[in-house]
C-alpha atoms as a PDB file:
ATOM      1  CA  UNK A   1      -5.526 -84.387 -15.118  1.00  0.00           C
ATOM      2  CA  UNK A   2      -3.324 -87.320 -16.136  1.00  0.00           C
ATOM      3  CA  UNK A   3      -0.317 -86.465 -18.280  1.00  0.00           C
ATOM      4  CA  UNK A   4       2.676 -88.003 -20.054  1.00  0.00           C
ATOM      5  CA  UNK A   5       6.176 -86.640 -20.623  1.00  0.00           C
ATOM      6  CA  UNK A   6       7.409 -86.968 -24.203  1.00  0.00           C
ATOM      7  CA  UNK A   7      10.876 -86.358 -25.638  1.00  0.00           C
ATOM      8  CA  UNK A   8      11.806 -85.322 -29.203  1.00  0.00           C
ATOM      9  CA  UNK A   9      13.894 -87.144 -31.771  1.00  0.00           C
ATOM     10  CA  UNK A  10      16.284 -86.142 -34.517  1.00  0.00           C
ATOM     11  CA  UNK A  11      15.330 -83.021 -36.441  1.00  0.00           C
ATOM     12  CA  UNK A  12      14.551 -80.929 -33.347  1.00  0.00           C
ATOM     13  CA  UNK A  13      18.153 -79.737 -33.024  1.00  0.00           C
ATOM     14  CA  UNK A  14      19.329 -76.152 -33.453  1.00  0.00           C
ATOM     15  CA  UNK A  15      22.541 -74.387 -32.529  1.00  0.00           C
ATOM     16  CA  UNK A  16      22.153 -72.710 -29.137  1.00  0.00           C
ATOM     17  CA  UNK A  17      19.416 -75.009 -27.875  1.00  0.00           C
ATOM     18  CA  UNK A  18      19.314 -75.293 -24.096  1.00  0.00           C
ATOM     19  CA  UNK A  19      21.572 -72.253 -23.570  1.00  0.00           C
ATOM     20  CA  UNK A  20      19.021 -70.390 -21.472  1.00  0.00           C
ATOM     21  CA  UNK A  21      18.805 -73.265 -18.989  1.00  0.00           C
ATOM     22  CA  UNK A  22      22.586 -73.747 -19.032  1.00  0.00           C
ATOM     23  CA  UNK A  23      23.214 -70.094 -18.170  1.00  0.00           C
ATOM     24  CA  UNK A  24      20.532 -69.872 -15.479  1.00  0.00           C
ATOM     25  CA  UNK A  25      20.506 -73.282 -13.805  1.00  0.00           C
ATOM     26  CA  UNK A  26      23.373 -75.171 -12.113  1.00  0.00           C
ATOM     27  CA  UNK A  27      21.349 -78.390 -12.486  1.00  0.00           C
ATOM     28  CA  UNK A  28      21.315 -77.972 -16.266  1.00  0.00           C
ATOM     29  CA  UNK A  29      25.034 -77.126 -16.393  1.00  0.00           C
ATOM     30  CA  UNK A  30      25.790 -80.271 -14.437  1.00  0.00           C
ATOM     31  CA  UNK A  31      24.072 -82.414 -17.081  1.00  0.00           C
ATOM     32  CA  UNK A  32      26.071 -80.807 -19.906  1.00  0.00           C
ATOM     33  CA  UNK A  33      29.300 -81.275 -17.951  1.00  0.00           C
ATOM     34  CA  UNK A  34      28.531 -84.924 -17.178  1.00  0.00           C
ATOM     35  CA  UNK A  35      27.867 -85.701 -20.838  1.00  0.00           C
ATOM     36  CA  UNK A  36      31.027 -83.908 -21.991  1.00  0.00           C
ATOM     37  CA  UNK A  37      33.036 -85.985 -19.548  1.00  0.00           C
ATOM     38  CA  UNK A  38      31.299 -89.237 -20.519  1.00  0.00           C
ATOM     39  CA  UNK A  39      31.910 -88.692 -24.242  1.00  0.00           C
ATOM     40  CA  UNK A  40      35.451 -87.402 -23.858  1.00  0.00           C
ATOM     41  CA  UNK A  41      34.912 -84.223 -25.902  1.00  0.00           C
ATOM     42  CA  UNK A  42      32.953 -80.984 -25.599  1.00  0.00           C
ATOM     43  CA  UNK A  43      29.543 -81.746 -27.033  1.00  0.00           C
ATOM     44  CA  UNK A  44      28.412 -78.558 -25.233  1.00  0.00           C
ATOM     45  CA  UNK A  45      30.628 -76.477 -27.525  1.00  0.00           C
ATOM     46  CA  UNK A  46      28.996 -77.980 -30.620  1.00  0.00           C
ATOM     47  CA  UNK A  47      25.504 -77.477 -29.166  1.00  0.00           C
ATOM     48  CA  UNK A  48      26.084 -73.828 -28.296  1.00  0.00           C
ATOM     49  CA  UNK A  49      28.504 -72.720 -31.028  1.00  0.00           C
ATOM     50  CA  UNK A  50      27.896 -75.091 -33.930  1.00  0.00           C
ATOM     51  CA  UNK A  51      28.517 -74.877 -36.762  1.00  0.00           C
ATOM     52  CA  UNK A  52      25.113 -76.191 -37.794  1.00  0.00           C
ATOM     53  CA  UNK A  53      26.672 -78.691 -40.228  1.00  0.00           C
ATOM     54  CA  UNK A  54      28.557 -80.241 -37.320  1.00  0.00           C
ATOM     55  CA  UNK A  55      25.477 -80.430 -35.098  1.00  0.00           C
ATOM     56  CA  UNK A  56      23.562 -82.098 -37.942  1.00  0.00           C
ATOM     57  CA  UNK A  57      25.948 -85.062 -37.914  1.00  0.00           C
ATOM     58  CA  UNK A  58      23.875 -87.918 -36.563  1.00  0.00           C
ATOM     59  CA  UNK A  59      26.560 -89.040 -34.110  1.00  0.00           C
ATOM     60  CA  UNK A  60      26.373 -85.594 -32.463  1.00  0.00           C
ATOM     61  CA  UNK A  61      22.720 -84.761 -33.033  1.00  0.00           C
ATOM     62  CA  UNK A  62      21.452 -87.706 -31.026  1.00  0.00           C
ATOM     63  CA  UNK A  63      23.415 -87.160 -27.798  1.00  0.00           C
ATOM     64  CA  UNK A  64      22.913 -83.397 -28.166  1.00  0.00           C
ATOM     65  CA  UNK A  65      19.124 -83.650 -28.136  1.00  0.00           C
ATOM     66  CA  UNK A  66      19.205 -86.144 -25.261  1.00  0.00           C
ATOM     67  CA  UNK A  67      21.507 -83.850 -23.262  1.00  0.00           C
ATOM     68  CA  UNK A  68      19.397 -80.737 -23.760  1.00  0.00           C
ATOM     69  CA  UNK A  69      16.162 -82.576 -22.921  1.00  0.00           C
ATOM     70  CA  UNK A  70      17.549 -84.047 -19.689  1.00  0.00           C
ATOM     71  CA  UNK A  71      19.182 -80.727 -18.732  1.00  0.00           C
ATOM     72  CA  UNK A  72      15.780 -79.056 -19.000  1.00  0.00           C
ATOM     73  CA  UNK A  73      14.145 -81.815 -16.980  1.00  0.00           C
ATOM     74  CA  UNK A  74      16.760 -81.566 -14.213  1.00  0.00           C
ATOM     75  CA  UNK A  75      16.404 -77.790 -14.139  1.00  0.00           C
ATOM     76  CA  UNK A  76      12.645 -78.140 -13.700  1.00  0.00           C
ATOM     77  CA  UNK A  77      13.161 -80.596 -10.856  1.00  0.00           C
ATOM     78  CA  UNK A  78      15.871 -78.692  -8.983  1.00  0.00           C
ATOM     79  CA  UNK A  79      15.560 -74.999  -9.868  1.00  0.00           C
ATOM     80  CA  UNK A  80      11.771 -74.866  -9.966  1.00  0.00           C
ATOM     81  CA  UNK A  81      11.266 -77.698  -7.465  1.00  0.00           C
ATOM     82  CA  UNK A  82       8.771 -79.450  -9.716  1.00  0.00           C
ATOM     83  CA  UNK A  83       7.827 -82.973  -8.693  1.00  0.00           C
ATOM     84  CA  UNK A  84       6.751 -84.310 -12.068  1.00  0.00           C
ATOM     85  CA  UNK A  85       4.802 -87.560 -11.813  1.00  0.00           C
ATOM     86  CA  UNK A  86       3.655 -88.604 -15.288  1.00  0.00           C
ATOM     87  CA  UNK A  87       1.531 -91.651 -15.971  1.00  0.00           C
ATOM     88  CA  UNK A  88       3.903 -92.584 -18.821  1.00  0.00           C
ATOM     89  CA  UNK A  89       7.067 -91.381 -20.523  1.00  0.00           C
ATOM     90  CA  UNK A  90       7.820 -91.812 -24.219  1.00  0.00           C
ATOM     91  CA  UNK A  91      10.139 -90.509 -26.888  1.00  0.00           C
ATOM     92  CA  UNK A  92      10.375 -90.473 -30.655  1.00  0.00           C
ATOM     93  CA  UNK A  93      13.249 -92.654 -31.931  1.00  0.00           C
ATOM     94  CA  UNK A  94      16.351 -91.458 -30.008  1.00  0.00           C
ATOM     95  CA  UNK A  95      13.847 -89.779 -27.673  1.00  0.00           C
ATOM     96  CA  UNK A  96      13.016 -93.231 -26.306  1.00  0.00           C
ATOM     97  CA  UNK A  97      16.528 -93.303 -24.826  1.00  0.00           C
ATOM     98  CA  UNK A  98      15.886 -89.853 -23.318  1.00  0.00           C
ATOM     99  CA  UNK A  99      12.651 -91.163 -21.811  1.00  0.00           C
ATOM    100  CA  UNK A 100      14.597 -94.021 -20.217  1.00  0.00           C
ATOM    101  CA  UNK A 101      17.063 -91.557 -18.681  1.00  0.00           C
ATOM    102  CA  UNK A 102      14.149 -89.470 -17.403  1.00  0.00           C
ATOM    103  CA  UNK A 103      12.619 -92.574 -15.831  1.00  0.00           C
ATOM    104  CA  UNK A 104      15.880 -93.549 -14.130  1.00  0.00           C
ATOM    105  CA  UNK A 105      16.506 -96.676 -16.213  1.00  0.00           C
ATOM    106  CA  UNK A 106      19.762 -95.264 -17.593  1.00  0.00           C
ATOM    107  CA  UNK A 107      22.107 -92.564 -16.296  1.00  0.00           C
ATOM    108  CA  UNK A 108      22.516 -89.533 -18.531  1.00  0.00           C
ATOM    109  CA  UNK A 109      26.128 -90.607 -19.114  1.00  0.00           C
ATOM    110  CA  UNK A 110      25.158 -94.096 -20.300  1.00  0.00           C
ATOM    111  CA  UNK A 111      22.276 -92.709 -22.332  1.00  0.00           C
ATOM    112  CA  UNK A 112      24.555 -90.221 -24.094  1.00  0.00           C
ATOM    113  CA  UNK A 113      27.208 -92.869 -24.778  1.00  0.00           C
ATOM    114  CA  UNK A 114      24.630 -95.228 -26.266  1.00  0.00           C
ATOM    115  CA  UNK A 115      23.012 -92.694 -28.584  1.00  0.00           C
ATOM    116  CA  UNK A 116      26.433 -91.350 -29.607  1.00  0.00           C
ATOM    117  CA  UNK A 117      27.331 -94.892 -30.681  1.00  0.00           C
ATOM    118  CA  UNK A 118      23.876 -95.376 -32.204  1.00  0.00           C
ATOM    119  CA  UNK A 119      24.164 -92.190 -34.242  1.00  0.00           C
ATOM    120  CA  UNK A 120      27.696 -92.940 -35.390  1.00  0.00           C
ATOM    121  CA  UNK A 121      26.858 -96.461 -36.523  1.00  0.00           C
ATOM    122  CA  UNK A 122      23.630 -95.360 -38.215  1.00  0.00           C
ATOM    123  CA  UNK A 123      25.560 -92.674 -40.074  1.00  0.00           C
ATOM    124  CA  UNK A 124      28.046 -95.228 -41.419  1.00  0.00           C
ATOM    125  CA  UNK A 125      25.789 -98.286 -41.865  1.00  0.00           C
ATOM    126  CA  UNK A 126      24.933 -97.294 -45.427  1.00  0.00           C
ATOM    127  CA  UNK A 127      27.379 -95.430 -47.725  1.00  0.00           C
ATOM    128  CA  UNK A 128      26.490 -91.753 -48.090  1.00  0.00           C
ATOM    129  CA  UNK A 129      24.174 -91.234 -51.037  1.00  0.00           C
ATOM    130  CA  UNK A 130      22.848 -94.804 -51.099  1.00  0.00           C
ATOM    131  CA  UNK A 131      20.106 -94.341 -48.497  1.00  0.00           C
ATOM    132  CA  UNK A 132      17.069 -92.102 -48.531  1.00  0.00           C
ATOM    133  CA  UNK A 133      13.974 -91.120 -46.531  1.00  0.00           C
ATOM    134  CA  UNK A 134      10.795 -89.310 -47.539  1.00  0.00           C
ATOM    135  CA  UNK A 135       7.642 -88.134 -45.772  1.00  0.00           C
ATOM    136  CA  UNK A 136       4.337 -89.016 -47.427  1.00  0.00           C
ATOM    137  CA  UNK A 137       1.370 -86.847 -46.499  1.00  0.00           C
ATOM    138  CA  UNK A 138      -2.283 -87.584 -47.102  1.00  0.00           C
ATOM    139  CA  UNK A 139      -2.087 -91.296 -47.948  1.00  0.00           C
ATOM    140  CA  UNK A 140      -3.107 -94.122 -45.623  1.00  0.00           C
ATOM    141  CA  UNK A 141      -0.708 -96.763 -44.384  1.00  0.00           C
ATOM    142  CA  UNK A 142      -2.172 -99.597 -46.432  1.00  0.00           C
ATOM    143  CA  UNK A 143      -1.736 -97.678 -49.681  1.00  0.00           C
ATOM    144  CA  UNK A 144       1.861 -96.870 -48.762  1.00  0.00           C
ATOM    145  CA  UNK A 145       2.566-100.515 -47.882  1.00  0.00           C
ATOM    146  CA  UNK A 146       1.313-101.480 -51.360  1.00  0.00           C
ATOM    147  CA  UNK A 147       3.667 -98.925 -52.902  1.00  0.00           C
ATOM    148  CA  UNK A 148       6.605-100.364 -50.938  1.00  0.00           C
ATOM    149  CA  UNK A 149       5.744-103.863 -52.130  1.00  0.00           C
ATOM    150  CA  UNK A 150       5.680-102.698 -55.737  1.00  0.00           C
ATOM    151  CA  UNK A 151       9.151-101.157 -55.573  1.00  0.00           C
ATOM    152  CA  UNK A 152      10.781-103.994 -53.596  1.00  0.00           C
ATOM    153  CA  UNK A 153      12.636-105.261 -56.692  1.00  0.00           C
ATOM    154  CA  UNK A 154      14.560-101.976 -56.744  1.00  0.00           C
ATOM    155  CA  UNK A 155      15.778-102.329 -53.157  1.00  0.00           C
ATOM    156  CA  UNK A 156      14.733-101.801 -49.574  1.00  0.00           C
ATOM    157  CA  UNK A 157      11.806 -99.417 -49.067  1.00  0.00           C
ATOM    158  CA  UNK A 158       9.893 -99.618 -45.792  1.00  0.00           C
ATOM    159  CA  UNK A 159       7.542 -97.596 -43.606  1.00  0.00           C
ATOM    160  CA  UNK A 160       9.844 -96.062 -40.971  1.00  0.00           C
ATOM    161  CA  UNK A 161       7.706 -93.632 -38.963  1.00  0.00           C
ATOM    162  CA  UNK A 162       3.959 -93.623 -38.370  1.00  0.00           C
ATOM    163  CA  UNK A 163       3.942 -90.063 -37.051  1.00  0.00           C
ATOM    164  CA  UNK A 164       0.268 -89.104 -37.250  1.00  0.00           C
ATOM    165  CA  UNK A 165      -2.790 -89.818 -39.381  1.00  0.00           C
ATOM    166  CA  UNK A 166      -1.784 -88.965 -42.939  1.00  0.00           C
ATOM    167  CA  UNK A 167       1.922 -88.549 -42.121  1.00  0.00           C
ATOM    168  CA  UNK A 168       4.169 -91.543 -42.733  1.00  0.00           C
ATOM    169  CA  UNK A 169       7.897 -91.642 -43.460  1.00  0.00           C
ATOM    170  CA  UNK A 170       9.569 -94.064 -45.884  1.00  0.00           C
ATOM    171  CA  UNK A 171      13.139 -95.303 -45.532  1.00  0.00           C
ATOM    172  CA  UNK A 172      15.447 -97.434 -47.652  1.00  0.00           C
ATOM    173  CA  UNK A 173      17.682 -97.455 -50.689  1.00  0.00           C
ATOM    174  CA  UNK A 174      17.642 -94.436 -52.966  1.00  0.00           C
ATOM    175  CA  UNK A 175      16.302 -96.005 -56.155  1.00  0.00           C
ATOM    176  CA  UNK A 176      13.433 -97.755 -54.366  1.00  0.00           C
ATOM    177  CA  UNK A 177      12.468 -94.747 -52.253  1.00  0.00           C
ATOM    178  CA  UNK A 178      12.539 -92.396 -55.243  1.00  0.00           C
ATOM    179  CA  UNK A 179      10.227 -94.694 -57.208  1.00  0.00           C
ATOM    180  CA  UNK A 180       7.963 -95.038 -54.171  1.00  0.00           C
ATOM    181  CA  UNK A 181       7.654 -91.253 -54.028  1.00  0.00           C
ATOM    182  CA  UNK A 182       6.517 -91.188 -57.641  1.00  0.00           C
ATOM    183  CA  UNK A 183       3.940 -93.919 -57.056  1.00  0.00           C
ATOM    184  CA  UNK A 184       2.672 -92.249 -53.875  1.00  0.00           C
ATOM    185  CA  UNK A 185       1.978 -89.066 -55.827  1.00  0.00           C
ATOM    186  CA  UNK A 186       0.185 -91.072 -58.513  1.00  0.00           C
ATOM    187  CA  UNK A 187      -1.952 -92.786 -55.826  1.00  0.00           C
ATOM    188  CA  UNK A 188      -3.142 -89.463 -54.419  1.00  0.00           C
ATOM    189  CA  UNK A 189      -0.635 -88.353 -51.786  1.00  0.00           C
ATOM    190  CA  UNK A 190      -1.189 -84.704 -50.929  1.00  0.00           C
ATOM    191  CA  UNK A 191       2.540 -84.115 -50.652  1.00  0.00           C
ATOM    192  CA  UNK A 192       5.790 -86.084 -50.733  1.00  0.00           C
ATOM    193  CA  UNK A 193       8.826 -84.531 -49.069  1.00  0.00           C
ATOM    194  CA  UNK A 194      12.351 -85.956 -49.468  1.00  0.00           C
ATOM    195  CA  UNK A 195      14.126 -85.674 -46.109  1.00  0.00           C
ATOM    196  CA  UNK A 196      17.665 -84.357 -45.636  1.00  0.00           C
ATOM    197  CA  UNK A 197      19.125 -87.198 -43.589  1.00  0.00           C
ATOM    198  CA  UNK A 198      22.524 -88.862 -43.464  1.00  0.00           C
ATOM    199  CA  UNK A 199      21.159 -92.413 -43.382  1.00  0.00           C
ATOM    200  CA  UNK A 200      17.944 -94.430 -43.930  1.00  0.00           C
ATOM    201  CA  UNK A 201      16.810 -94.876 -40.318  1.00  0.00           C
ATOM    202  CA  UNK A 202      14.374 -97.497 -38.967  1.00  0.00           C
ATOM    203  CA  UNK A 203      14.557 -99.971 -41.820  1.00  0.00           C
ATOM    204  CA  UNK A 204      16.204-103.337 -42.446  1.00  0.00           C
ATOM    205  CA  UNK A 205      19.456-101.625 -43.474  1.00  0.00           C
ATOM    206  CA  UNK A 206      19.981-100.735 -39.801  1.00  0.00           C
ATOM    207  CA  UNK A 207      20.072-104.338 -38.519  1.00  0.00           C
ATOM    208  CA  UNK A 208      23.883-104.365 -38.135  1.00  0.00           C
ATOM    209  CA  UNK A 209      23.554-101.276 -35.919  1.00  0.00           C
ATOM    210  CA  UNK A 210      21.145-103.150 -33.648  1.00  0.00           C
ATOM    211  CA  UNK A 211      23.670-105.952 -33.209  1.00  0.00           C
ATOM    212  CA  UNK A 212      26.381-103.515 -32.157  1.00  0.00           C
ATOM    213  CA  UNK A 213      24.041-101.658 -29.815  1.00  0.00           C
ATOM    214  CA  UNK A 214      23.034-104.908 -28.144  1.00  0.00           C
ATOM    215  CA  UNK A 215      26.679-105.540 -27.309  1.00  0.00           C
ATOM    216  CA  UNK A 216      27.041-101.992 -26.007  1.00  0.00           C
ATOM    217  CA  UNK A 217      23.986-102.466 -23.748  1.00  0.00           C
ATOM    218  CA  UNK A 218      26.141-104.806 -21.661  1.00  0.00           C
ATOM    219  CA  UNK A 219      28.382-101.921 -20.661  1.00  0.00           C
ATOM    220  CA  UNK A 220      25.544 -99.791 -19.267  1.00  0.00           C
ATOM    221  CA  UNK A 221      23.896 -99.969 -15.862  1.00  0.00           C
ATOM    222  CA  UNK A 222      20.146-100.627 -16.158  1.00  0.00           C
ATOM    223  CA  UNK A 223      17.393-100.146 -13.554  1.00  0.00           C
ATOM    224  CA  UNK A 224      13.607-100.649 -13.689  1.00  0.00           C
ATOM    225  CA  UNK A 225      11.884 -97.441 -14.828  1.00  0.00           C
ATOM    226  CA  UNK A 226      10.149 -95.210 -12.339  1.00  0.00           C
ATOM    227  CA  UNK A 227       7.213 -94.915 -14.738  1.00  0.00           C
ATOM    228  CA  UNK A 228       6.085 -97.114 -17.660  1.00  0.00           C
ATOM    229  CA  UNK A 229       7.984 -96.311 -20.861  1.00  0.00           C
ATOM    230  CA  UNK A 230       6.115 -96.645 -24.156  1.00  0.00           C
ATOM    231  CA  UNK A 231       8.166 -98.483 -26.775  1.00  0.00           C
ATOM    232  CA  UNK A 232       8.382 -97.260 -30.368  1.00  0.00           C
ATOM    233  CA  UNK A 233       8.422-100.811 -31.689  1.00  0.00           C
ATOM    234  CA  UNK A 234       5.006-101.942 -30.416  1.00  0.00           C
ATOM    235  CA  UNK A 235       3.437 -98.914 -28.666  1.00  0.00           C
ATOM    236  CA  UNK A 236       3.239-100.947 -25.441  1.00  0.00           C
ATOM    237  CA  UNK A 237       4.373 -99.840 -21.972  1.00  0.00           C
ATOM    238  CA  UNK A 238       7.555-101.455 -20.679  1.00  0.00           C
ATOM    239  CA  UNK A 239       8.265-101.777 -16.967  1.00  0.00           C
ATOM    240  CA  UNK A 240      11.180-104.238 -16.803  1.00  0.00           C
ATOM    241  CA  UNK A 241      14.741-104.005 -18.091  1.00  0.00           C
ATOM    242  CA  UNK A 242      14.652-107.116 -20.277  1.00  0.00           C
ATOM    243  CA  UNK A 243      11.594-105.901 -22.202  1.00  0.00           C
ATOM    244  CA  UNK A 244      13.116-102.430 -22.540  1.00  0.00           C
ATOM    245  CA  UNK A 245      16.372-103.741 -23.983  1.00  0.00           C
ATOM    246  CA  UNK A 246      14.578-106.028 -26.431  1.00  0.00           C
ATOM    247  CA  UNK A 247      12.430-103.104 -27.575  1.00  0.00           C
ATOM    248  CA  UNK A 248      15.457-100.833 -28.056  1.00  0.00           C
ATOM    249  CA  UNK A 249      17.219-103.517 -30.082  1.00  0.00           C
ATOM    250  CA  UNK A 250      14.244-103.949 -32.423  1.00  0.00           C
ATOM    251  CA  UNK A 251      13.548-100.214 -32.564  1.00  0.00           C
ATOM    252  CA  UNK A 252      16.805 -99.670 -34.453  1.00  0.00           C
ATOM    253  CA  UNK A 253      15.520-101.330 -37.640  1.00  0.00           C
ATOM    254  CA  UNK A 254      11.735-101.249 -37.052  1.00  0.00           C
ATOM    255  CA  UNK A 255       9.205 -98.467 -37.656  1.00  0.00           C
ATOM    256  CA  UNK A 256       8.451 -95.884 -34.978  1.00  0.00           C
ATOM    257  CA  UNK A 257       4.766 -96.344 -34.132  1.00  0.00           C
ATOM    258  CA  UNK A 258       4.404 -92.849 -32.704  1.00  0.00           C
ATOM    259  CA  UNK A 259       0.752 -92.322 -33.610  1.00  0.00           C
ATOM    260  CA  UNK A 260      -0.122 -95.639 -31.939  1.00  0.00           C
ATOM    261  CA  UNK A 261       1.870 -94.661 -28.845  1.00  0.00           C
ATOM    262  CA  UNK A 262      -0.020 -91.409 -28.442  1.00  0.00           C
ATOM    263  CA  UNK A 263      -3.362 -93.131 -28.900  1.00  0.00           C
ATOM    264  CA  UNK A 264      -2.363 -95.924 -26.495  1.00  0.00           C
ATOM    265  CA  UNK A 265      -1.515 -93.386 -23.794  1.00  0.00           C
ATOM    266  CA  UNK A 266      -4.763 -91.535 -24.415  1.00  0.00           C
ATOM    267  CA  UNK A 267      -6.676 -94.831 -24.145  1.00  0.00           C
ATOM    268  CA  UNK A 268      -5.007 -95.347 -20.742  1.00  0.00           C
ATOM    269  CA  UNK A 269      -6.334 -92.024 -19.505  1.00  0.00           C
ATOM    270  CA  UNK A 270      -3.614 -89.553 -20.537  1.00  0.00           C
ATOM    271  CA  UNK A 271      -5.258 -86.202 -21.172  1.00  0.00           C
ATOM    272  CA  UNK A 272      -2.188 -84.043 -21.755  1.00  0.00           C
ATOM    273  CA  UNK A 273       1.297 -84.361 -23.250  1.00  0.00           C
ATOM    274  CA  UNK A 274       4.211 -82.306 -21.916  1.00  0.00           C
ATOM    275  CA  UNK A 275       7.084 -82.170 -24.407  1.00  0.00           C
ATOM    276  CA  UNK A 276      10.502 -81.626 -22.827  1.00  0.00           C
ATOM    277  CA  UNK A 277      13.365 -80.670 -25.137  1.00  0.00           C
ATOM    278  CA  UNK A 278      14.106 -78.598 -28.228  1.00  0.00           C
ATOM    279  CA  UNK A 279      11.229 -77.767 -30.557  1.00  0.00           C
ATOM    280  CA  UNK A 280       7.539 -78.632 -30.360  1.00  0.00           C
ATOM    281  CA  UNK A 281       7.072 -81.235 -33.107  1.00  0.00           C
ATOM    282  CA  UNK A 282       5.635 -83.896 -30.796  1.00  0.00           C
ATOM    283  CA  UNK A 283       3.055 -81.492 -29.404  1.00  0.00           C
ATOM    284  CA  UNK A 284       1.765 -80.889 -32.901  1.00  0.00           C
ATOM    285  CA  UNK A 285       1.678 -84.601 -33.703  1.00  0.00           C
ATOM    286  CA  UNK A 286      -0.197 -85.390 -30.477  1.00  0.00           C
ATOM    287  CA  UNK A 287      -2.956 -82.971 -31.417  1.00  0.00           C
ATOM    288  CA  UNK A 288      -3.283 -84.673 -34.782  1.00  0.00           C
ATOM    289  CA  UNK A 289      -3.346 -88.145 -33.237  1.00  0.00           C
ATOM    290  CA  UNK A 290      -5.880 -87.393 -30.497  1.00  0.00           C
ATOM    291  CA  UNK A 291      -8.298 -84.573 -31.183  1.00  0.00           C
ATOM    292  CA  UNK A 292      -8.813 -82.223 -28.265  1.00  0.00           C
ATOM    293  CA  UNK A 293      -5.770 -83.357 -26.293  1.00  0.00           C
ATOM    294  CA  UNK A 294      -3.831 -80.751 -24.332  1.00  0.00           C
ATOM    295  CA  UNK A 295      -0.139 -80.200 -25.060  1.00  0.00           C
ATOM    296  CA  UNK A 296       2.669 -78.043 -23.758  1.00  0.00           C
ATOM    297  CA  UNK A 297       6.318 -77.825 -24.849  1.00  0.00           C
ATOM    298  CA  UNK A 298       9.233 -76.647 -22.707  1.00  0.00           C
ATOM    299  CA  UNK A 299      12.404 -75.783 -24.635  1.00  0.00           C
ATOM    300  CA  UNK A 300      13.533 -72.538 -22.976  1.00  0.00           C
ATOM    301  CA  UNK A 301      13.197 -70.870 -19.543  1.00  0.00           C
ATOM    302  CA  UNK A 302      10.484 -68.580 -20.876  1.00  0.00           C
ATOM    303  CA  UNK A 303       8.253 -71.656 -21.250  1.00  0.00           C
ATOM    304  CA  UNK A 304       8.415 -72.554 -17.551  1.00  0.00           C
ATOM    305  CA  UNK A 305       5.726 -70.119 -16.282  1.00  0.00           C
ATOM    306  CA  UNK A 306       3.326 -71.690 -18.757  1.00  0.00           C
ATOM    307  CA  UNK A 307       4.199 -75.141 -17.429  1.00  0.00           C
ATOM    308  CA  UNK A 308       3.684 -73.979 -13.839  1.00  0.00           C
ATOM    309  CA  UNK A 309       0.285 -72.544 -14.734  1.00  0.00           C
ATOM    310  CA  UNK A 310      -0.503 -75.712 -16.658  1.00  0.00           C
ATOM    311  CA  UNK A 311       0.322 -77.885 -13.643  1.00  0.00           C
ATOM    312  CA  UNK A 312      -1.515 -75.669 -11.184  1.00  0.00           C
ATOM    313  CA  UNK A 313      -4.516 -75.505 -13.472  1.00  0.00           C
ATOM    314  CA  UNK A 314      -5.436 -79.127 -13.401  1.00  0.00           C
ATOM    315  CA  UNK A 315      -2.649 -81.640 -13.719  1.00  0.00           C
END
């Protein structure tokens, strides 16, 4: 059975994530130590001890999730001697950087430094309280695009995440996003959920962040990926460094086409999605995007026997 490895984005974090692997696996501890050294402070302490408010800061959340995901992956490779050979790797938003580390395009140190910068600049790109995001459930993309067009005079309001059929996230300036929520309800949305975020991600307000990231890309060492990496910006596989960097630049202010990515991988023969990292959000989304697909999430050592059985049973 052909499978893909997928890596979670912001929102999957929780205090204590990855601790089981850290305590049991030298390979996982090495990843945490390498990231702490690369960043110049103990991100591990924040991950394991919190407080939760600190871990929720975007500048820490992003490298924290990347670190935990890669620590789990390295533990699987070294402690359980798993030779994972996916057809594709992909990640949601910051998870795309994790996917690039998994594929060998970036070192974990460079990946952590980049998403730490990314998170910090995203957090400060728009003054606190002036940006907003909201999830719209049960309304199709075209109807939501019409809503965004109608509120454009109030400010930026754009489709930021196409997560699954009937689940789209809006991002932009508070007044415009709040009015868009009202209109979405009037047009028949099943539910509209304001999101607790520190900044309006994946919209035009993030363009200055992309410019700064592009400059930071020059300080990282890049290599061709071991496996094709699906890009959030166009749901297409990338196999060369230039294409990857262009996609990461645009990803900063463009919508995450996650539903299209999952369908694209399924169209290329992927029959199962293995989610590596905290939480299991992507596993749930994959099932909504492609009916009947198999999924498995690995976030703690107790999940590994299931992965082993999963691999032995047909992958």
